[in-house]
PDB file of all heavy atoms in Angstrom:
ATOM      1  N   ARG A   1      25.832   4.862  23.176  1.00  0.00           N
ATOM      2  CA  ARG A   1      25.393   5.100  21.807  1.00  0.00           C
ATOM      3  C   ARG A   1      23.993   5.705  21.782  1.00  0.00           C
ATOM      4  O   ARG A   1      23.151   5.399  22.616  1.00  0.00           O
ATOM      5  CB  ARG A   1      25.418   3.791  21.001  1.00  0.00           C
ATOM      6  CG  ARG A   1      26.836   3.252  20.760  1.00  0.00           C
ATOM      7  CD  ARG A   1      26.809   1.974  19.960  1.00  0.00           C
ATOM      8  NE  ARG A   1      26.102   0.908  20.674  1.00  0.00           N
ATOM      9  CZ  ARG A   1      25.900  -0.310  20.166  1.00  0.00           C
ATOM     10  NH1 ARG A   1      26.324  -0.606  18.947  1.00  0.00           N
ATOM     11  NH2 ARG A   1      25.265  -1.230  20.882  1.00  0.00           N
ATOM     12  N   ASN A   2      23.812   6.542  20.774  1.00  0.00           N
ATOM     13  CA  ASN A   2      22.496   7.106  20.468  1.00  0.00           C
ATOM     14  C   ASN A   2      21.869   7.807  21.683  1.00  0.00           C
ATOM     15  O   ASN A   2      20.760   7.507  22.094  1.00  0.00           O
ATOM     16  CB  ASN A   2      21.554   6.017  19.947  1.00  0.00           C
ATOM     17  CG  ASN A   2      20.333   6.625  19.249  1.00  0.00           C
ATOM     18  OD1 ASN A   2      20.389   7.750  18.746  1.00  0.00           O
ATOM     19  ND2 ASN A   2      19.244   5.893  19.222  1.00  0.00           N
ATOM     20  N   LEU A   3      22.620   8.779  22.205  1.00  0.00           N
ATOM     21  CA  LEU A   3      22.116   9.596  23.297  1.00  0.00           C
ATOM     22  C   LEU A   3      21.681  10.962  22.779  1.00  0.00           C
ATOM     23  O   LEU A   3      22.220  11.467  21.796  1.00  0.00           O
ATOM     24  CB  LEU A   3      23.201   9.821  24.360  1.00  0.00           C
ATOM     25  CG  LEU A   3      23.680   8.639  25.190  1.00  0.00           C
ATOM     26  CD1 LEU A   3      24.751   9.114  26.168  1.00  0.00           C
ATOM     27  CD2 LEU A   3      22.531   7.970  25.933  1.00  0.00           C
ATOM     28  N   MET A   4      20.710  11.567  23.461  1.00  0.00           N
ATOM     29  CA  MET A   4      20.443  12.987  23.293  1.00  0.00           C
ATOM     30  C   MET A   4      20.565  13.625  24.671  1.00  0.00           C
ATOM     31  O   MET A   4      19.886  13.207  25.620  1.00  0.00           O
ATOM     32  CB  MET A   4      19.055  13.271  22.741  1.00  0.00           C
ATOM     33  CG  MET A   4      18.872  14.769  22.432  1.00  0.00           C
ATOM     34  SD  MET A   4      17.209  15.244  21.906  1.00  0.00           S
ATOM     35  CE  MET A   4      16.385  15.287  23.495  1.00  0.00           C
ATOM     36  N   VAL A   5      21.451  14.614  24.798  1.00  0.00           N
ATOM     37  CA  VAL A   5      21.704  15.256  26.087  1.00  0.00           C
ATOM     38  C   VAL A   5      21.353  16.733  25.977  1.00  0.00           C
ATOM     39  O   VAL A   5      21.854  17.445  25.107  1.00  0.00           O
ATOM     40  CB  VAL A   5      23.179  15.101  26.511  1.00  0.00           C
ATOM     41  CG1 VAL A   5      23.463  15.912  27.773  1.00  0.00           C
ATOM     42  CG2 VAL A   5      23.518  13.633  26.735  1.00  0.00           C
ATOM     43  N   VAL A   6      20.480  17.184  26.864  1.00  0.00           N
ATOM     44  CA  VAL A   6      20.162  18.604  27.005  1.00  0.00           C
ATOM     45  C   VAL A   6      20.883  19.091  28.246  1.00  0.00           C
ATOM     46  O   VAL A   6      20.771  18.485  29.319  1.00  0.00           O
ATOM     47  CB  VAL A   6      18.643  18.832  27.156  1.00  0.00           C
ATOM     48  CG1 VAL A   6      18.339  20.324  27.234  1.00  0.00           C
ATOM     49  CG2 VAL A   6      17.883  18.178  26.017  1.00  0.00           C
ATOM     50  N   THR A   7      21.663  20.163  28.142  1.00  0.00           N
ATOM     51  CA  THR A   7      22.441  20.618  29.284  1.00  0.00           C
ATOM     52  C   THR A   7      22.540  22.131  29.333  1.00  0.00           C
ATOM     53  O   THR A   7      22.516  22.806  28.289  1.00  0.00           O
ATOM     54  CB  THR A   7      23.859  20.001  29.257  1.00  0.00           C
ATOM     55  OG1 THR A   7      24.561  20.389  30.451  1.00  0.00           O
ATOM     56  CG2 THR A   7      24.642  20.459  28.029  1.00  0.00           C
ATOM     57  N   ASN A   8      22.633  22.665  30.524  1.00  0.00           N
ATOM     58  CA  ASN A   8      22.935  24.086  30.730  1.00  0.00           C
ATOM     59  C   ASN A   8      24.354  24.237  31.274  1.00  0.00           C
ATOM     60  O   ASN A   8      24.657  25.196  31.974  1.00  0.00           O
ATOM     61  CB  ASN A   8      21.918  24.726  31.684  1.00  0.00           C
ATOM     62  CG  ASN A   8      21.933  24.109  33.073  1.00  0.00           C
ATOM     63  OD1 ASN A   8      22.128  22.912  33.231  1.00  0.00           O
ATOM     64  ND2 ASN A   8      21.704  24.934  34.087  1.00  0.00           N
ATOM     65  N   ASN A   9      25.203  23.295  30.923  1.00  0.00           N
ATOM     66  CA  ASN A   9      26.582  23.246  31.399  1.00  0.00           C
ATOM     67  C   ASN A   9      27.505  23.170  30.187  1.00  0.00           C
ATOM     68  O   ASN A   9      27.589  22.129  29.523  1.00  0.00           O
ATOM     69  CB  ASN A   9      26.757  22.024  32.314  1.00  0.00           C
ATOM     70  CG  ASN A   9      28.122  21.931  32.950  1.00  0.00           C
ATOM     71  OD1 ASN A   9      29.094  22.492  32.462  1.00  0.00           O
ATOM     72  ND2 ASN A   9      28.203  21.200  34.052  1.00  0.00           N
ATOM     73  N   ILE A  10      28.184  24.245  29.882  1.00  0.00           N
ATOM     74  CA  ILE A  10      29.074  24.281  28.709  1.00  0.00           C
ATOM     75  C   ILE A  10      30.167  23.223  28.835  1.00  0.00           C
ATOM     76  O   ILE A  10      30.588  22.620  27.837  1.00  0.00           O
ATOM     77  CB  ILE A  10      29.678  25.694  28.545  1.00  0.00           C
ATOM     78  CG1 ILE A  10      28.621  26.648  27.969  1.00  0.00           C
ATOM     79  CG2 ILE A  10      30.895  25.663  27.637  1.00  0.00           C
ATOM     80  CD1 ILE A  10      29.099  28.067  27.822  1.00  0.00           C
ATOM     81  N   ASN A  11      30.644  22.966  30.039  1.00  0.00           N
ATOM     82  CA  ASN A  11      31.693  21.956  30.225  1.00  0.00           C
ATOM     83  C   ASN A  11      31.191  20.562  29.854  1.00  0.00           C
ATOM     84  O   ASN A  11      31.920  19.770  29.256  1.00  0.00           O
ATOM     85  CB  ASN A  11      32.181  21.979  31.671  1.00  0.00           C
ATOM     86  CG  ASN A  11      32.762  23.317  32.067  1.00  0.00           C
ATOM     87  OD1 ASN A  11      33.580  23.878  31.360  1.00  0.00           O
ATOM     88  ND2 ASN A  11      32.325  23.843  33.202  1.00  0.00           N
ATOM     89  N   VAL A  12      29.940  20.260  30.211  1.00  0.00           N
ATOM     90  CA  VAL A  12      29.348  18.976  29.820  1.00  0.00           C
ATOM     91  C   VAL A  12      29.289  18.859  28.303  1.00  0.00           C
ATOM     92  O   VAL A  12      29.627  17.820  27.722  1.00  0.00           O
ATOM     93  CB  VAL A  12      27.937  18.825  30.439  1.00  0.00           C
ATOM     94  CG1 VAL A  12      27.139  17.741  29.716  1.00  0.00           C
ATOM     95  CG2 VAL A  12      28.044  18.489  31.917  1.00  0.00           C
ATOM     96  N   ALA A  13      28.850  19.934  27.641  1.00  0.00           N
ATOM     97  CA  ALA A  13      28.765  19.918  26.177  1.00  0.00           C
ATOM     98  C   ALA A  13      30.137  19.683  25.558  1.00  0.00           C
ATOM     99  O   ALA A  13      30.287  18.881  24.618  1.00  0.00           O
ATOM    100  CB  ALA A  13      28.169  21.230  25.677  1.00  0.00           C
ATOM    101  N   ASN A  14      31.156  20.349  26.080  1.00  0.00           N
ATOM    102  CA  ASN A  14      32.511  20.187  25.544  1.00  0.00           C
ATOM    103  C   ASN A  14      33.040  18.775  25.749  1.00  0.00           C
ATOM    104  O   ASN A  14      33.767  18.239  24.908  1.00  0.00           O
ATOM    105  CB  ASN A  14      33.458  21.198  26.195  1.00  0.00           C
ATOM    106  CG  ASN A  14      33.272  22.605  25.666  1.00  0.00           C
ATOM    107  OD1 ASN A  14      32.831  22.787  24.527  1.00  0.00           O
ATOM    108  ND2 ASN A  14      33.581  23.593  26.475  1.00  0.00           N
ATOM    109  N   ILE A  15      32.691  18.147  26.866  1.00  0.00           N
ATOM    110  CA  ILE A  15      33.104  16.763  27.114  1.00  0.00           C
ATOM    111  C   ILE A  15      32.434  15.819  26.121  1.00  0.00           C
ATOM    112  O   ILE A  15      33.071  14.966  25.500  1.00  0.00           O
ATOM    113  CB  ILE A  15      32.771  16.354  28.561  1.00  0.00           C
ATOM    114  CG1 ILE A  15      33.654  17.109  29.555  1.00  0.00           C
ATOM    115  CG2 ILE A  15      32.930  14.839  28.756  1.00  0.00           C
ATOM    116  CD1 ILE A  15      33.179  17.037  30.998  1.00  0.00           C
ATOM    117  N   LEU A  16      31.125  15.984  25.936  1.00  0.00           N
ATOM    118  CA  LEU A  16      30.357  15.049  25.114  1.00  0.00           C
ATOM    119  C   LEU A  16      30.567  15.243  23.617  1.00  0.00           C
ATOM    120  O   LEU A  16      30.164  14.378  22.834  1.00  0.00           O
ATOM    121  CB  LEU A  16      28.871  15.173  25.462  1.00  0.00           C
ATOM    122  CG  LEU A  16      28.485  14.609  26.830  1.00  0.00           C
ATOM    123  CD1 LEU A  16      27.039  14.946  27.161  1.00  0.00           C
ATOM    124  CD2 LEU A  16      28.696  13.094  26.878  1.00  0.00           C
ATOM    125  N   VAL A  17      31.201  16.334  23.229  1.00  0.00           N
ATOM    126  CA  VAL A  17      31.562  16.515  21.813  1.00  0.00           C
ATOM    127  C   VAL A  17      32.387  15.337  21.321  1.00  0.00           C
ATOM    128  O   VAL A  17      32.340  14.957  20.144  1.00  0.00           O
ATOM    129  CB  VAL A  17      32.310  17.852  21.622  1.00  0.00           C
ATOM    130  CG1 VAL A  17      33.080  17.868  20.307  1.00  0.00           C
ATOM    131  CG2 VAL A  17      31.336  19.022  21.668  1.00  0.00           C
ATOM    132  N   ALA A  18      33.150  14.716  22.225  1.00  0.00           N
ATOM    133  CA  ALA A  18      34.011  13.586  21.849  1.00  0.00           C
ATOM    134  C   ALA A  18      33.220  12.317  21.566  1.00  0.00           C
ATOM    135  O   ALA A  18      33.795  11.337  21.077  1.00  0.00           O
ATOM    136  CB  ALA A  18      35.036  13.327  22.948  1.00  0.00           C
ATOM    137  N   ASN A  19      31.926  12.312  21.857  1.00  0.00           N
ATOM    138  CA  ASN A  19      31.081  11.152  21.551  1.00  0.00           C
ATOM    139  C   ASN A  19      30.283  11.451  20.287  1.00  0.00           C
ATOM    140  O   ASN A  19      29.302  12.200  20.326  1.00  0.00           O
ATOM    141  CB  ASN A  19      30.134  10.859  22.724  1.00  0.00           C
ATOM    142  CG  ASN A  19      29.262   9.630  22.482  1.00  0.00           C
ATOM    143  OD1 ASN A  19      29.206   9.095  21.375  1.00  0.00           O
ATOM    144  ND2 ASN A  19      28.573   9.176  23.508  1.00  0.00           N
ATOM    145  N   PRO A  20      30.663  10.876  19.146  1.00  0.00           N
ATOM    146  CA  PRO A  20      29.964  11.189  17.899  1.00  0.00           C
ATOM    147  C   PRO A  20      28.542  10.655  17.852  1.00  0.00           C
ATOM    148  O   PRO A  20      27.755  11.035  16.975  1.00  0.00           O
ATOM    149  CB  PRO A  20      30.841  10.517  16.831  1.00  0.00           C
ATOM    150  CG  PRO A  20      31.515   9.397  17.554  1.00  0.00           C
ATOM    151  CD  PRO A  20      31.748   9.903  18.952  1.00  0.00           C
ATOM    152  N   ASP A  21      28.199   9.783  18.797  1.00  0.00           N
ATOM    153  CA  ASP A  21      26.870   9.179  18.827  1.00  0.00           C
ATOM    154  C   ASP A  21      25.958   9.881  19.837  1.00  0.00           C
ATOM    155  O   ASP A  21      24.974   9.294  20.290  1.00  0.00           O
ATOM    156  CB  ASP A  21      26.983   7.695  19.195  1.00  0.00           C
ATOM    157  CG  ASP A  21      26.210   6.808  18.222  1.00  0.00           C
ATOM    158  OD1 ASP A  21      25.677   7.345  17.244  1.00  0.00           O
ATOM    159  OD2 ASP A  21      26.143   5.595  18.461  1.00  0.00           O
ATOM    160  N   CYS A  22      26.301  11.112  20.182  1.00  0.00           N
ATOM    161  CA  CYS A  22      25.528  11.868  21.164  1.00  0.00           C
ATOM    162  C   CYS A  22      25.086  13.198  20.564  1.00  0.00           C
ATOM    163  O   CYS A  22      25.924  14.002  20.148  1.00  0.00           O
ATOM    164  CB  CYS A  22      26.360  12.120  22.422  1.00  0.00           C
ATOM    165  SG  CYS A  22      25.517  13.101  23.680  1.00  0.00           S
ATOM    166  N   GLN A  23      23.774  13.409  20.502  1.00  0.00           N
ATOM    167  CA  GLN A  23      23.236  14.701  20.079  1.00  0.00           C
ATOM    168  C   GLN A  23      23.193  15.624  21.299  1.00  0.00           C
ATOM    169  O   GLN A  23      22.687  15.253  22.357  1.00  0.00           O
ATOM    170  CB  GLN A  23      21.833  14.549  19.504  1.00  0.00           C
ATOM    171  CG  GLN A  23      21.207  15.861  19.038  1.00  0.00           C
ATOM    172  CD  GLN A  23      19.781  15.670  18.552  1.00  0.00           C
ATOM    173  OE1 GLN A  23      19.258  14.560  18.584  1.00  0.00           O
ATOM    174  NE2 GLN A  23      19.145  16.741  18.126  1.00  0.00           N
ATOM    175  N   ILE A  24      23.737  16.823  21.174  1.00  0.00           N
ATOM    176  CA  ILE A  24      23.853  17.751  22.299  1.00  0.00           C
ATOM    177  C   ILE A  24      22.973  18.966  22.046  1.00  0.00           C
ATOM    178  O   ILE A  24      23.053  19.603  20.992  1.00  0.00           O
ATOM    179  CB  ILE A  24      25.312  18.204  22.495  1.00  0.00           C
ATOM    180  CG1 ILE A  24      26.234  17.002  22.687  1.00  0.00           C
ATOM    181  CG2 ILE A  24      25.424  19.154  23.677  1.00  0.00           C
ATOM    182  CD1 ILE A  24      27.709  17.337  22.527  1.00  0.00           C
TER     183      ILE A  24
END
């Protein structure tokens, strides 16, 4: 819960979209 993730990996972003409590 309540994560902020900075990534240069589009696959990571697509995975974490499923977590509504994660700012990407």
